[in-house]
Amino acid sequence: MSAEDVKINGTLIWYYCVCKREVWLIARSIVADQENEFMEIGRFIHESSYQREKKEIQVGNIKLDILKMDNGQLVVGEVKKSSKFKLAARMQLLFYLSILKENGISARGELYFPEEKKREEVLLNEETLTELEQMKRDILRIVYLEQPPAARKIPFCKNCAYAEFCFA
């Protein structure tokens, strides 16, 4: 795998915060069980929530769930099934905001958890930019490993669509 093959995206950032093994699998285009009930629930919530907002806007190699204007400011929204993995969702959204910033676009972020009727504002700053740069370097380190990181049993595993790659 060469450096040109790896395009860090929001999905890799999200999984980096949850499971490093999944980062390795996804980077190699190893597809998860698409009929996993939790993936289906996530797709349904994504498709049925916030119907009036613009959704699925592609910008380079990132895909924004929601893009809207609020009081003259661009707002990028990320929709998640629950706040259980809020750190991962927050870092994914910060990654999107950083890509926009690199392209001269100023925006703030909002995390949406429709099932919980929660919303959280996310702002990019120097500290989070530094944290993202460290994550991106470590993602590349993981991706270039010959073998995936060892499987570790974590709470996320019970709902994971990649479970058979780790514990079959």
C-alpha atoms as a PDB file:
ATOM      1  CA  MET A   1       0.000   0.000   0.000  1.00  0.00           C
ATOM      2  CA  SER A   2       1.526   3.357  -1.055  1.00  0.00           C
ATOM      3  CA  ALA A   3       0.963   6.871   0.304  1.00  0.00           C
ATOM      4  CA  GLU A   4      -1.103   7.739  -2.776  1.00  0.00           C
ATOM      5  CA  ASP A   5      -3.509   4.902  -1.951  1.00  0.00           C
ATOM      6  CA  VAL A   6      -4.466   6.324   1.456  1.00  0.00           C
ATOM      7  CA  LYS A   7      -6.985   9.126   1.582  1.00  0.00           C
ATOM      8  CA  ILE A   8      -7.889   9.923   5.160  1.00  0.00           C
ATOM      9  CA  ASN A   9     -11.603  10.593   5.446  1.00  0.00           C
ATOM     10  CA  GLY A  10     -14.183  11.089   8.172  1.00  0.00           C
ATOM     11  CA  THR A  11     -14.895   7.380   8.421  1.00  0.00           C
ATOM     12  CA  LEU A  12     -11.255   6.601   9.234  1.00  0.00           C
ATOM     13  CA  ILE A  13     -11.195   9.398  11.817  1.00  0.00           C
ATOM     14  CA  TRP A  14     -14.400   8.068  13.444  1.00  0.00           C
ATOM     15  CA  TYR A  15     -13.156   4.469  13.592  1.00  0.00           C
ATOM     16  CA  TYR A  16      -9.746   5.566  14.835  1.00  0.00           C
ATOM     17  CA  CYS A  17     -11.518   6.850  17.961  1.00  0.00           C
ATOM     18  CA  VAL A  18     -13.449   3.578  18.355  1.00  0.00           C
ATOM     19  CA  CYS A  19     -11.362   0.686  16.993  1.00  0.00           C
ATOM     20  CA  LYS A  20      -7.890   0.835  15.436  1.00  0.00           C
ATOM     21  CA  ARG A  21      -8.357  -2.612  13.857  1.00  0.00           C
ATOM     22  CA  GLU A  22     -11.332  -1.321  11.907  1.00  0.00           C
ATOM     23  CA  VAL A  23      -9.187   1.520  10.536  1.00  0.00           C
ATOM     24  CA  TRP A  24      -6.855  -1.081   9.010  1.00  0.00           C
ATOM     25  CA  LEU A  25      -9.764  -3.104   7.546  1.00  0.00           C
ATOM     26  CA  ILE A  26     -11.569  -0.093   6.076  1.00  0.00           C
ATOM     27  CA  ALA A  27      -8.379   1.343   4.582  1.00  0.00           C
ATOM     28  CA  ARG A  28      -7.985  -1.918   2.658  1.00  0.00           C
ATOM     29  CA  SER A  29     -11.581  -1.762   1.374  1.00  0.00           C
ATOM     30  CA  ILE A  30     -12.577  -4.835   3.362  1.00  0.00           C
ATOM     31  CA  VAL A  31     -16.338  -4.439   3.441  1.00  0.00           C
ATOM     32  CA  ALA A  32     -18.304  -4.926   6.650  1.00  0.00           C
ATOM     33  CA  ASP A  33     -21.480  -7.011   6.870  1.00  0.00           C
ATOM     34  CA  GLN A  34     -23.902  -4.672   5.059  1.00  0.00           C
ATOM     35  CA  GLU A  35     -26.909  -6.520   6.485  1.00  0.00           C
ATOM     36  CA  ASN A  36     -25.834  -5.916  10.078  1.00  0.00           C
ATOM     37  CA  GLU A  37     -28.967  -4.637  11.834  1.00  0.00           C
ATOM     38  CA  PHE A  38     -27.103  -1.743  13.459  1.00  0.00           C
ATOM     39  CA  MET A  39     -25.829  -0.542  10.070  1.00  0.00           C
ATOM     40  CA  GLU A  40     -29.385  -0.732   8.730  1.00  0.00           C
ATOM     41  CA  ILE A  41     -30.734   1.234  11.709  1.00  0.00           C
ATOM     42  CA  GLY A  42     -28.030   3.866  11.219  1.00  0.00           C
ATOM     43  CA  ARG A  43     -28.874   4.217   7.519  1.00  0.00           C
ATOM     44  CA  PHE A  44     -32.584   4.564   8.343  1.00  0.00           C
ATOM     45  CA  ILE A  45     -31.979   7.270  10.959  1.00  0.00           C
ATOM     46  CA  HIS A  46     -29.647   9.093   8.587  1.00  0.00           C
ATOM     47  CA  GLU A  47     -32.151   9.017   5.731  1.00  0.00           C
ATOM     48  CA  SER A  48     -35.252   9.863   7.791  1.00  0.00           C
ATOM     49  CA  SER A  49     -33.856  12.613  10.044  1.00  0.00           C
ATOM     50  CA  TYR A  50     -33.624  16.307   9.204  1.00  0.00           C
ATOM     51  CA  GLN A  51     -35.504  15.932   5.917  1.00  0.00           C
ATOM     52  CA  ARG A  52     -35.492  19.692   5.197  1.00  0.00           C
ATOM     53  CA  GLU A  53     -31.730  20.111   5.440  1.00  0.00           C
ATOM     54  CA  LYS A  54     -29.364  19.574   2.508  1.00  0.00           C
ATOM     55  CA  LYS A  55     -27.807  16.150   2.923  1.00  0.00           C
ATOM     56  CA  GLU A  56     -24.886  14.121   1.625  1.00  0.00           C
ATOM     57  CA  ILE A  57     -22.788  16.879   0.081  1.00  0.00           C
ATOM     58  CA  GLN A  58     -19.507  15.554  -1.356  1.00  0.00           C
ATOM     59  CA  VAL A  59     -16.437  17.790  -0.919  1.00  0.00           C
ATOM     60  CA  GLY A  60     -13.308  16.041  -2.174  1.00  0.00           C
ATOM     61  CA  ASN A  61     -13.060  12.769  -0.276  1.00  0.00           C
ATOM     62  CA  ILE A  62     -15.435  13.809   2.520  1.00  0.00           C
ATOM     63  CA  LYS A  63     -19.207  13.533   2.643  1.00  0.00           C
ATOM     64  CA  LEU A  64     -21.125  16.054   4.726  1.00  0.00           C
ATOM     65  CA  ASP A  65     -24.462  14.966   6.192  1.00  0.00           C
ATOM     66  CA  ILE A  66     -25.970  18.452   6.458  1.00  0.00           C
ATOM     67  CA  LEU A  67     -24.899  21.818   5.105  1.00  0.00           C
ATOM     68  CA  LYS A  68     -26.907  24.949   5.926  1.00  0.00           C
ATOM     69  CA  MET A  69     -26.644  28.658   6.628  1.00  0.00           C
ATOM     70  CA  ASP A  70     -27.494  29.955  10.113  1.00  0.00           C
ATOM     71  CA  ASN A  71     -27.364  33.708  10.759  1.00  0.00           C
ATOM     72  CA  GLY A  72     -24.934  34.171   7.876  1.00  0.00           C
ATOM     73  CA  GLN A  73     -22.593  31.385   8.990  1.00  0.00           C
ATOM     74  CA  LEU A  74     -22.074  28.070   7.257  1.00  0.00           C
ATOM     75  CA  VAL A  75     -22.972  25.120   9.484  1.00  0.00           C
ATOM     76  CA  VAL A  76     -21.885  21.536   8.829  1.00  0.00           C
ATOM     77  CA  GLY A  77     -24.038  18.937  10.560  1.00  0.00           C
ATOM     78  CA  GLU A  78     -23.207  15.333  11.346  1.00  0.00           C
ATOM     79  CA  VAL A  79     -26.080  12.945  12.172  1.00  0.00           C
ATOM     80  CA  LYS A  80     -25.415  10.001  14.480  1.00  0.00           C
ATOM     81  CA  LYS A  81     -27.654   7.279  15.886  1.00  0.00           C
ATOM     82  CA  SER A  82     -26.641   8.001  19.471  1.00  0.00           C
ATOM     83  CA  SER A  83     -24.220  10.034  21.546  1.00  0.00           C
ATOM     84  CA  LYS A  84     -22.567   6.835  22.804  1.00  0.00           C
ATOM     85  CA  PHE A  85     -19.520   7.520  20.612  1.00  0.00           C
ATOM     86  CA  LYS A  86     -19.682  11.305  20.856  1.00  0.00           C
ATOM     87  CA  LEU A  87     -15.885  11.733  20.906  1.00  0.00           C
ATOM     88  CA  ALA A  88     -15.579   9.852  17.601  1.00  0.00           C
ATOM     89  CA  ALA A  89     -18.437  11.859  16.065  1.00  0.00           C
ATOM     90  CA  ARG A  90     -16.919  15.117  17.311  1.00  0.00           C
ATOM     91  CA  MET A  91     -13.498  14.292  15.837  1.00  0.00           C
ATOM     92  CA  GLN A  92     -15.090  13.289  12.524  1.00  0.00           C
ATOM     93  CA  LEU A  93     -16.912  16.615  12.357  1.00  0.00           C
ATOM     94  CA  LEU A  94     -13.761  18.528  13.356  1.00  0.00           C
ATOM     95  CA  PHE A  95     -11.964  16.742  10.512  1.00  0.00           C
ATOM     96  CA  TYR A  96     -14.624  17.983   8.059  1.00  0.00           C
ATOM     97  CA  LEU A  97     -14.317  21.521   9.426  1.00  0.00           C
ATOM     98  CA  SER A  98     -10.521  21.352   9.026  1.00  0.00           C
ATOM     99  CA  ILE A  99     -10.827  20.267   5.383  1.00  0.00           C
ATOM    100  CA  LEU A 100     -13.175  23.168   4.695  1.00  0.00           C
ATOM    101  CA  LYS A 101     -10.769  25.548   6.474  1.00  0.00           C
ATOM    102  CA  GLU A 102      -7.873  24.276   4.314  1.00  0.00           C
ATOM    103  CA  ASN A 103      -9.998  25.268   1.324  1.00  0.00           C
ATOM    104  CA  GLY A 104     -10.692  28.762   2.680  1.00  0.00           C
ATOM    105  CA  ILE A 105     -14.195  28.024   3.960  1.00  0.00           C
ATOM    106  CA  SER A 106     -15.110  29.050   7.489  1.00  0.00           C
ATOM    107  CA  ALA A 107     -17.801  26.962   9.169  1.00  0.00           C
ATOM    108  CA  ARG A 108     -18.939  25.716  12.537  1.00  0.00           C
ATOM    109  CA  GLY A 109     -20.244  22.260  13.250  1.00  0.00           C
ATOM    110  CA  GLU A 110     -23.267  20.693  14.883  1.00  0.00           C
ATOM    111  CA  LEU A 111     -23.639  17.097  15.991  1.00  0.00           C
ATOM    112  CA  TYR A 112     -27.195  15.779  15.791  1.00  0.00           C
ATOM    113  CA  PHE A 113     -28.489  12.819  17.773  1.00  0.00           C
ATOM    114  CA  PRO A 114     -32.119  12.631  16.561  1.00  0.00           C
ATOM    115  CA  GLU A 115     -33.141   9.610  18.636  1.00  0.00           C
ATOM    116  CA  GLU A 116     -32.054  11.464  21.773  1.00  0.00           C
ATOM    117  CA  LYS A 117     -33.280  14.862  20.547  1.00  0.00           C
ATOM    118  CA  LYS A 118     -29.812  16.301  21.259  1.00  0.00           C
ATOM    119  CA  ARG A 119     -27.669  18.776  19.386  1.00  0.00           C
ATOM    120  CA  GLU A 120     -24.114  19.869  20.196  1.00  0.00           C
ATOM    121  CA  GLU A 121     -22.038  22.692  18.735  1.00  0.00           C
ATOM    122  CA  VAL A 122     -18.502  21.850  17.557  1.00  0.00           C
ATOM    123  CA  LEU A 123     -15.858  24.494  16.902  1.00  0.00           C
ATOM    124  CA  LEU A 124     -12.446  24.068  15.325  1.00  0.00           C
ATOM    125  CA  ASN A 125      -9.489  25.605  17.180  1.00  0.00           C
ATOM    126  CA  GLU A 126      -5.702  25.256  17.333  1.00  0.00           C
ATOM    127  CA  GLU A 127      -5.868  22.531  19.979  1.00  0.00           C
ATOM    128  CA  THR A 128      -8.267  20.363  17.962  1.00  0.00           C
ATOM    129  CA  LEU A 129      -6.256  20.963  14.781  1.00  0.00           C
ATOM    130  CA  THR A 130      -3.149  19.643  16.568  1.00  0.00           C
ATOM    131  CA  GLU A 131      -5.119  16.639  17.839  1.00  0.00           C
ATOM    132  CA  LEU A 132      -6.365  15.903  14.301  1.00  0.00           C
ATOM    133  CA  GLU A 133      -2.823  16.064  12.874  1.00  0.00           C
ATOM    134  CA  GLN A 134      -1.657  13.517  15.463  1.00  0.00           C
ATOM    135  CA  MET A 135      -4.619  11.262  14.614  1.00  0.00           C
ATOM    136  CA  LYS A 136      -3.902  11.451  10.893  1.00  0.00           C
ATOM    137  CA  ARG A 137      -0.264  10.474  11.447  1.00  0.00           C
ATOM    138  CA  ASP A 138      -1.297   7.517  13.606  1.00  0.00           C
ATOM    139  CA  ILE A 139      -3.960   6.452  11.096  1.00  0.00           C
ATOM    140  CA  LEU A 140      -1.261   6.304   8.418  1.00  0.00           C
ATOM    141  CA  ARG A 141       0.962   4.283  10.770  1.00  0.00           C
ATOM    142  CA  ILE A 142      -1.885   1.785  11.304  1.00  0.00           C
ATOM    143  CA  VAL A 143      -2.747   1.583   7.613  1.00  0.00           C
ATOM    144  CA  TYR A 144       0.851   0.739   6.685  1.00  0.00           C
ATOM    145  CA  LEU A 145       1.102  -2.132   9.164  1.00  0.00           C
ATOM    146  CA  GLU A 146       1.553  -5.529   7.488  1.00  0.00           C
ATOM    147  CA  GLN A 147      -1.089  -7.072   9.751  1.00  0.00           C
ATOM    148  CA  PRO A 148      -4.088  -5.419  11.420  1.00  0.00           C
ATOM    149  CA  PRO A 149      -3.734  -4.420  15.067  1.00  0.00           C
ATOM    150  CA  ALA A 150      -4.682  -7.265  17.408  1.00  0.00           C
ATOM    151  CA  ALA A 151      -8.387  -7.677  18.092  1.00  0.00           C
ATOM    152  CA  ARG A 152      -9.420  -6.270  21.454  1.00  0.00           C
ATOM    153  CA  LYS A 153     -12.824  -6.921  22.961  1.00  0.00           C
ATOM    154  CA  ILE A 154     -14.486  -3.541  23.583  1.00  0.00           C
ATOM    155  CA  PRO A 155     -18.156  -2.624  24.171  1.00  0.00           C
ATOM    156  CA  PHE A 156     -18.491  -1.611  20.492  1.00  0.00           C
ATOM    157  CA  CYS A 157     -17.779  -5.209  19.366  1.00  0.00           C
ATOM    158  CA  LYS A 158     -21.245  -6.545  20.203  1.00  0.00           C
ATOM    159  CA  ASN A 159     -22.839  -4.337  17.507  1.00  0.00           C
ATOM    160  CA  CYS A 160     -19.934  -4.299  15.066  1.00  0.00           C
ATOM    161  CA  ALA A 161     -20.432  -5.282  11.429  1.00  0.00           C
ATOM    162  CA  TYR A 162     -16.777  -6.415  11.336  1.00  0.00           C
ATOM    163  CA  ALA A 163     -17.095  -8.803  14.305  1.00  0.00           C
ATOM    164  CA  GLU A 164     -16.496 -11.891  12.149  1.00  0.00           C
ATOM    165  CA  PHE A 165     -13.068 -10.514  11.120  1.00  0.00           C
ATOM    166  CA  CYS A 166     -12.023 -10.453  14.767  1.00  0.00           C
ATOM    167  CA  PHE A 167     -13.819 -13.177  16.658  1.00  0.00           C
ATOM    168  CA  ALA A 168     -15.068 -15.779  14.157  1.00  0.00           C
END
